[in-house]
Amino acid sequence: MFVIRLANGEEVHASEGDELEINQETGVLTVSRVDGFEEITTHYSPSAWLSVTHRKRGAGVRPSLISG
């Protein structure tokens, strides 16, 4: 799940199956989604977005294998 808050006030919300990639060197966000038989890829430059919230399910902290 992710939400991209754009500088113009709009928000881009993830849909089922959407993928978010962040280029660590340029700051460009890439959102890929499948719509029917088409894959749609949208790029957002760092000047276009204010914030990004990205949550992954099941990415919690694993319990320690050392018992105390």
PDB file of N, CA and C in Angstrom:
ATOM      1  N   MET A   1       0.831  -1.157   0.000  1.00  0.00           N
ATOM      2  CA  MET A   1       0.000   0.000   0.000  1.00  0.00           C
ATOM      3  C   MET A   1       0.887   1.236   0.000  1.00  0.00           C
ATOM      4  N   PHE A   2       0.536   2.210  -0.809  1.00  0.00           N
ATOM      5  CA  PHE A   2       1.274   3.460  -0.780  1.00  0.00           C
ATOM      6  C   PHE A   2       0.358   4.612  -1.132  1.00  0.00           C
ATOM      7  N   VAL A   3       0.727   5.778  -0.652  1.00  0.00           N
ATOM      8  CA  VAL A   3       0.049   7.027  -0.991  1.00  0.00           C
ATOM      9  C   VAL A   3       1.137   8.031  -1.332  1.00  0.00           C
ATOM     10  N   ILE A   4       1.013   8.655  -2.502  1.00  0.00           N
ATOM     11  CA  ILE A   4       1.944   9.704  -2.905  1.00  0.00           C
ATOM     12  C   ILE A   4       1.188  11.020  -2.837  1.00  0.00           C
ATOM     13  N   ARG A   5       1.658  11.933  -2.015  1.00  0.00           N
ATOM     14  CA  ARG A   5       1.034  13.252  -1.887  1.00  0.00           C
ATOM     15  C   ARG A   5       1.782  14.208  -2.807  1.00  0.00           C
ATOM     16  N   LEU A   6       1.084  14.719  -3.830  1.00  0.00           N
ATOM     17  CA  LEU A   6       1.708  15.571  -4.831  1.00  0.00           C
ATOM     18  C   LEU A   6       1.714  17.032  -4.406  1.00  0.00           C
ATOM     19  N   ALA A   7       2.604  17.805  -4.995  1.00  0.00           N
ATOM     20  CA  ALA A   7       2.749  19.225  -4.667  1.00  0.00           C
ATOM     21  C   ALA A   7       1.496  20.018  -5.015  1.00  0.00           C
ATOM     22  N   ASN A   8       0.699  19.545  -5.992  1.00  0.00           N
ATOM     23  CA  ASN A   8      -0.517  20.267  -6.374  1.00  0.00           C
ATOM     24  C   ASN A   8      -1.716  19.901  -5.508  1.00  0.00           C
ATOM     25  N   GLY A   9      -1.505  19.087  -4.465  1.00  0.00           N
ATOM     26  CA  GLY A   9      -2.568  18.728  -3.536  1.00  0.00           C
ATOM     27  C   GLY A   9      -3.233  17.393  -3.839  1.00  0.00           C
ATOM     28  N   GLU A  10      -3.008  16.836  -5.000  1.00  0.00           N
ATOM     29  CA  GLU A  10      -3.593  15.544  -5.345  1.00  0.00           C
ATOM     30  C   GLU A  10      -2.874  14.425  -4.605  1.00  0.00           C
ATOM     31  N   GLU A  11      -3.574  13.295  -4.459  1.00  0.00           N
ATOM     32  CA  GLU A  11      -2.975  12.105  -3.871  1.00  0.00           C
ATOM     33  C   GLU A  11      -3.130  10.942  -4.835  1.00  0.00           C
ATOM     34  N   VAL A  12      -2.091  10.142  -4.945  1.00  0.00           N
ATOM     35  CA  VAL A  12      -2.114   8.933  -5.762  1.00  0.00           C
ATOM     36  C   VAL A  12      -2.137   7.766  -4.786  1.00  0.00           C
ATOM     37  N   HIS A  13      -3.214   6.970  -4.835  1.00  0.00           N
ATOM     38  CA  HIS A  13      -3.366   5.824  -3.941  1.00  0.00           C
ATOM     39  C   HIS A  13      -3.108   4.537  -4.712  1.00  0.00           C
ATOM     40  N   ALA A  14      -2.504   3.582  -4.052  1.00  0.00           N
ATOM     41  CA  ALA A  14      -2.222   2.291  -4.675  1.00  0.00           C
ATOM     42  C   ALA A  14      -3.510   1.524  -4.898  1.00  0.00           C
ATOM     43  N   SER A  15      -3.546   0.798  -5.994  1.00  0.00           N
ATOM     44  CA  SER A  15      -4.606  -0.159  -6.274  1.00  0.00           C
ATOM     45  C   SER A  15      -4.016  -1.555  -6.122  1.00  0.00           C
ATOM     46  N   GLU A  16      -4.874  -2.549  -6.078  1.00  0.00           N
ATOM     47  CA  GLU A  16      -4.418  -3.935  -5.960  1.00  0.00           C
ATOM     48  C   GLU A  16      -3.440  -4.258  -7.082  1.00  0.00           C
ATOM     49  N   GLY A  17      -2.258  -4.738  -6.740  1.00  0.00           N
ATOM     50  CA  GLY A  17      -1.272  -5.132  -7.730  1.00  0.00           C
ATOM     51  C   GLY A  17      -0.329  -4.033  -8.181  1.00  0.00           C
ATOM     52  N   ASP A  18      -0.547  -2.798  -7.742  1.00  0.00           N
ATOM     53  CA  ASP A  18       0.357  -1.706  -8.116  1.00  0.00           C
ATOM     54  C   ASP A  18       1.728  -1.919  -7.492  1.00  0.00           C
ATOM     55  N   GLU A  19       2.754  -1.500  -8.209  1.00  0.00           N
ATOM     56  CA  GLU A  19       4.119  -1.601  -7.698  1.00  0.00           C
ATOM     57  C   GLU A  19       4.746  -0.221  -7.651  1.00  0.00           C
ATOM     58  N   LEU A  20       5.489   0.050  -6.589  1.00  0.00           N
ATOM     59  CA  LEU A  20       6.173   1.328  -6.407  1.00  0.00           C
ATOM     60  C   LEU A  20       7.672   1.083  -6.385  1.00  0.00           C
ATOM     61  N   GLU A  21       8.401   1.835  -7.190  1.00  0.00           N
ATOM     62  CA  GLU A  21       9.866   1.787  -7.180  1.00  0.00           C
ATOM     63  C   GLU A  21      10.380   3.195  -6.937  1.00  0.00           C
ATOM     64  N   ILE A  22      11.467   3.299  -6.185  1.00  0.00           N
ATOM     65  CA  ILE A  22      12.084   4.590  -5.901  1.00  0.00           C
ATOM     66  C   ILE A  22      13.531   4.536  -6.371  1.00  0.00           C
ATOM     67  N   ASN A  23      13.903   5.437  -7.255  1.00  0.00           N
ATOM     68  CA  ASN A  23      15.287   5.526  -7.715  1.00  0.00           C
ATOM     69  C   ASN A  23      16.065   6.288  -6.652  1.00  0.00           C
ATOM     70  N   GLN A  24      16.961   5.603  -5.968  1.00  0.00           N
ATOM     71  CA  GLN A  24      17.705   6.198  -4.856  1.00  0.00           C
ATOM     72  C   GLN A  24      18.624   7.329  -5.310  1.00  0.00           C
ATOM     73  N   GLU A  25      19.074   7.294  -6.552  1.00  0.00           N
ATOM     74  CA  GLU A  25      19.989   8.327  -7.052  1.00  0.00           C
ATOM     75  C   GLU A  25      19.269   9.597  -7.480  1.00  0.00           C
ATOM     76  N   THR A  26      18.105   9.448  -8.130  1.00  0.00           N
ATOM     77  CA  THR A  26      17.410  10.617  -8.689  1.00  0.00           C
ATOM     78  C   THR A  26      16.194  11.048  -7.882  1.00  0.00           C
ATOM     79  N   GLY A  27      15.651  10.151  -7.059  1.00  0.00           N
ATOM     80  CA  GLY A  27      14.441  10.466  -6.308  1.00  0.00           C
ATOM     81  C   GLY A  27      13.167  10.299  -7.115  1.00  0.00           C
ATOM     82  N   VAL A  28      13.275   9.799  -8.340  1.00  0.00           N
ATOM     83  CA  VAL A  28      12.100   9.597  -9.185  1.00  0.00           C
ATOM     84  C   VAL A  28      11.308   8.390  -8.679  1.00  0.00           C
ATOM     85  N   LEU A  29       9.991   8.575  -8.529  1.00  0.00           N
ATOM     86  CA  LEU A  29       9.092   7.491  -8.147  1.00  0.00           C
ATOM     87  C   LEU A  29       8.486   6.910  -9.412  1.00  0.00           C
ATOM     88  N   THR A  30       8.407   5.590  -9.485  1.00  0.00           N
ATOM     89  CA  THR A  30       7.796   4.923 -10.625  1.00  0.00           C
ATOM     90  C   THR A  30       6.674   4.035 -10.109  1.00  0.00           C
ATOM     91  N   VAL A  31       5.465   4.249 -10.634  1.00  0.00           N
ATOM     92  CA  VAL A  31       4.310   3.441 -10.272  1.00  0.00           C
ATOM     93  C   VAL A  31       3.912   2.630 -11.499  1.00  0.00           C
ATOM     94  N   SER A  32       3.847   1.304 -11.338  1.00  0.00           N
ATOM     95  CA  SER A  32       3.432   0.416 -12.428  1.00  0.00           C
ATOM     96  C   SER A  32       2.142  -0.269 -12.022  1.00  0.00           C
ATOM     97  N   ARG A  33       1.182  -0.298 -12.964  1.00  0.00           N
ATOM     98  CA  ARG A  33      -0.081  -0.990 -12.701  1.00  0.00           C
ATOM     99  C   ARG A  33      -0.561  -1.650 -13.975  1.00  0.00           C
ATOM    100  N   VAL A  34      -1.315  -2.721 -13.814  1.00  0.00           N
ATOM    101  CA  VAL A  34      -1.882  -3.435 -14.948  1.00  0.00           C
ATOM    102  C   VAL A  34      -3.350  -3.064 -15.035  1.00  0.00           C
ATOM    103  N   ASP A  35      -3.761  -2.644 -16.248  1.00  0.00           N
ATOM    104  CA  ASP A  35      -5.150  -2.269 -16.516  1.00  0.00           C
ATOM    105  C   ASP A  35      -5.612  -3.099 -17.706  1.00  0.00           C
ATOM    106  N   GLY A  36      -6.336  -4.177 -17.427  1.00  0.00           N
ATOM    107  CA  GLY A  36      -6.735  -5.085 -18.500  1.00  0.00           C
ATOM    108  C   GLY A  36      -5.515  -5.790 -19.062  1.00  0.00           C
ATOM    109  N   PHE A  37      -5.233  -5.548 -20.330  1.00  0.00           N
ATOM    110  CA  PHE A  37      -4.079  -6.172 -20.974  1.00  0.00           C
ATOM    111  C   PHE A  37      -2.927  -5.197 -21.133  1.00  0.00           C
ATOM    112  N   GLU A  38      -3.012  -4.032 -20.512  1.00  0.00           N
ATOM    113  CA  GLU A  38      -1.964  -3.024 -20.617  1.00  0.00           C
ATOM    114  C   GLU A  38      -1.257  -2.838 -19.286  1.00  0.00           C
ATOM    115  N   GLU A  39       0.049  -2.606 -19.346  1.00  0.00           N
ATOM    116  CA  GLU A  39       0.785  -2.180 -18.160  1.00  0.00           C
ATOM    117  C   GLU A  39       1.026  -0.683 -18.301  1.00  0.00           C
ATOM    118  N   ILE A  40       0.627   0.060 -17.291  1.00  0.00           N
ATOM    119  CA  ILE A  40       0.767   1.514 -17.303  1.00  0.00           C
ATOM    120  C   ILE A  40       1.844   1.890 -16.300  1.00  0.00           C
ATOM    121  N   THR A  41       2.830   2.657 -16.741  1.00  0.00           N
ATOM    122  CA  THR A  41       3.920   3.099 -15.882  1.00  0.00           C
ATOM    123  C   THR A  41       3.911   4.617 -15.828  1.00  0.00           C
ATOM    124  N   THR A  42       3.893   5.168 -14.607  1.00  0.00           N
ATOM    125  CA  THR A  42       3.904   6.616 -14.409  1.00  0.00           C
ATOM    126  C   THR A  42       5.114   6.974 -13.568  1.00  0.00           C
ATOM    127  N   HIS A  43       5.839   8.013 -13.984  1.00  0.00           N
ATOM    128  CA  HIS A  43       7.020   8.481 -13.264  1.00  0.00           C
ATOM    129  C   HIS A  43       6.706   9.835 -12.634  1.00  0.00           C
ATOM    130  N   TYR A  44       7.139  10.025 -11.386  1.00  0.00           N
ATOM    131  CA  TYR A  44       6.949  11.291 -10.674  1.00  0.00           C
ATOM    132  C   TYR A  44       8.317  11.836 -10.292  1.00  0.00           C
ATOM    133  N   SER A  45       8.625  13.044 -10.744  1.00  0.00           N
ATOM    134  CA  SER A  45       9.911  13.663 -10.409  1.00  0.00           C
ATOM    135  C   SER A  45       9.875  14.142  -8.963  1.00  0.00           C
ATOM    136  N   PRO A  46      11.040  14.313  -8.335  1.00  0.00           N
ATOM    137  CA  PRO A  46      11.082  14.764  -6.940  1.00  0.00           C
ATOM    138  C   PRO A  46      10.383  16.112  -6.730  1.00  0.00           C
ATOM    139  N   SER A  47      10.353  16.968  -7.735  1.00  0.00           N
ATOM    140  CA  SER A  47       9.686  18.268  -7.575  1.00  0.00           C
ATOM    141  C   SER A  47       8.168  18.134  -7.607  1.00  0.00           C
ATOM    142  N   ALA A  48       7.641  16.981  -8.037  1.00  0.00           N
ATOM    143  CA  ALA A  48       6.197  16.785  -8.147  1.00  0.00           C
ATOM    144  C   ALA A  48       5.560  16.258  -6.872  1.00  0.00           C
ATOM    145  N   TRP A  49       6.335  15.608  -6.009  1.00  0.00           N
ATOM    146  CA  TRP A  49       5.729  15.005  -4.830  1.00  0.00           C
ATOM    147  C   TRP A  49       6.267  15.617  -3.544  1.00  0.00           C
ATOM    148  N   LEU A  50       5.366  15.671  -2.554  1.00  0.00           N
ATOM    149  CA  LEU A  50       5.722  16.205  -1.235  1.00  0.00           C
ATOM    150  C   LEU A  50       6.099  15.093  -0.266  1.00  0.00           C
ATOM    151  N   SER A  51       5.335  13.995  -0.300  1.00  0.00           N
ATOM    152  CA  SER A  51       5.626  12.892   0.610  1.00  0.00           C
ATOM    153  C   SER A  51       5.118  11.586   0.022  1.00  0.00           C
ATOM    154  N   VAL A  52       5.683  10.496   0.524  1.00  0.00           N
ATOM    155  CA  VAL A  52       5.280   9.159   0.103  1.00  0.00           C
ATOM    156  C   VAL A  52       5.139   8.309   1.356  1.00  0.00           C
ATOM    157  N   THR A  53       4.002   7.638   1.482  1.00  0.00           N
ATOM    158  CA  THR A  53       3.798   6.670   2.553  1.00  0.00           C
ATOM    159  C   THR A  53       3.735   5.301   1.901  1.00  0.00           C
ATOM    160  N   HIS A  54       4.608   4.393   2.323  1.00  0.00           N
ATOM    161  CA  HIS A  54       4.684   3.057   1.730  1.00  0.00           C
ATOM    162  C   HIS A  54       4.636   2.047   2.858  1.00  0.00           C
ATOM    163  N   ARG A  55       3.606   1.203   2.855  1.00  0.00           N
ATOM    164  CA  ARG A  55       3.462   0.183   3.898  1.00  0.00           C
ATOM    165  C   ARG A  55       3.485  -1.192   3.248  1.00  0.00           C
ATOM    166  N   LYS A  56       4.199  -2.114   3.884  1.00  0.00           N
ATOM    167  CA  LYS A  56       4.253  -3.493   3.406  1.00  0.00           C
ATOM    168  C   LYS A  56       3.614  -4.387   4.446  1.00  0.00           C
ATOM    169  N   ARG A  57       2.745  -5.264   3.990  1.00  0.00           N
ATOM    170  CA  ARG A  57       2.118  -6.228   4.896  1.00  0.00           C
ATOM    171  C   ARG A  57       3.108  -7.322   5.239  1.00  0.00           C
ATOM    172  N   GLY A  58       3.061  -7.776   6.486  1.00  0.00           N
ATOM    173  CA  GLY A  58       3.910  -8.881   6.895  1.00  0.00           C
ATOM    174  C   GLY A  58       5.378  -8.526   7.008  1.00  0.00           C
ATOM    175  N   ALA A  59       5.687  -7.245   7.078  1.00  0.00           N
ATOM    176  CA  ALA A  59       7.093  -6.834   7.148  1.00  0.00           C
ATOM    177  C   ALA A  59       7.503  -6.494   8.571  1.00  0.00           C
ATOM    178  N   GLY A  60       6.786  -7.030   9.548  1.00  0.00           N
ATOM    179  CA  GLY A  60       7.076  -6.727  10.941  1.00  0.00           C
ATOM    180  C   GLY A  60       8.402  -7.299  11.394  1.00  0.00           C
ATOM    181  N   VAL A  61       8.801  -6.946  12.568  1.00  0.00           N
ATOM    182  CA  VAL A  61      10.058  -7.420  13.139  1.00  0.00           C
ATOM    183  C   VAL A  61       9.921  -8.895  13.472  1.00  0.00           C
ATOM    184  N   ARG A  62      10.915  -9.665  13.049  1.00  0.00           N
ATOM    185  CA  ARG A  62      10.896 -11.090  13.353  1.00  0.00           C
ATOM    186  C   ARG A  62      11.317 -11.312  14.800  1.00  0.00           C
ATOM    187  N   PRO A  63      10.686 -12.271  15.463  1.00  0.00           N
ATOM    188  CA  PRO A  63      11.083 -12.553  16.850  1.00  0.00           C
ATOM    189  C   PRO A  63      12.512 -13.076  16.914  1.00  0.00           C
ATOM    190  N   SER A  64      13.164 -12.784  17.996  1.00  0.00           N
ATOM    191  CA  SER A  64      14.547 -13.212  18.186  1.00  0.00           C
ATOM    192  C   SER A  64      14.613 -14.729  18.327  1.00  0.00           C
ATOM    193  N   LEU A  65      15.660 -15.305  17.780  1.00  0.00           N
ATOM    194  CA  LEU A  65      15.854 -16.747  17.908  1.00  0.00           C
ATOM    195  C   LEU A  65      16.547 -17.100  19.214  1.00  0.00           C
ATOM    196  N   ILE A  66      17.015 -16.092  19.936  1.00  0.00           N
ATOM    197  CA  ILE A  66      17.700 -16.307  21.210  1.00  0.00           C
ATOM    198  C   ILE A  66      16.676 -16.188  22.331  1.00  0.00           C
ATOM    199  N   SER A  67      16.543 -17.234  23.130  1.00  0.00           N
ATOM    200  CA  SER A  67      15.611 -17.162  24.255  1.00  0.00           C
ATOM    201  C   SER A  67      16.372 -16.756  25.502  1.00  0.00           C
ATOM    202  N   GLY A  68      15.703 -15.936  26.302  1.00  0.00           N
ATOM    203  CA  GLY A  68      16.398 -15.387  27.457  1.00  0.00           C
ATOM    204  C   GLY A  68      16.168 -16.036  28.702  1.00  0.00           C
TER     205      GLY A  68
END
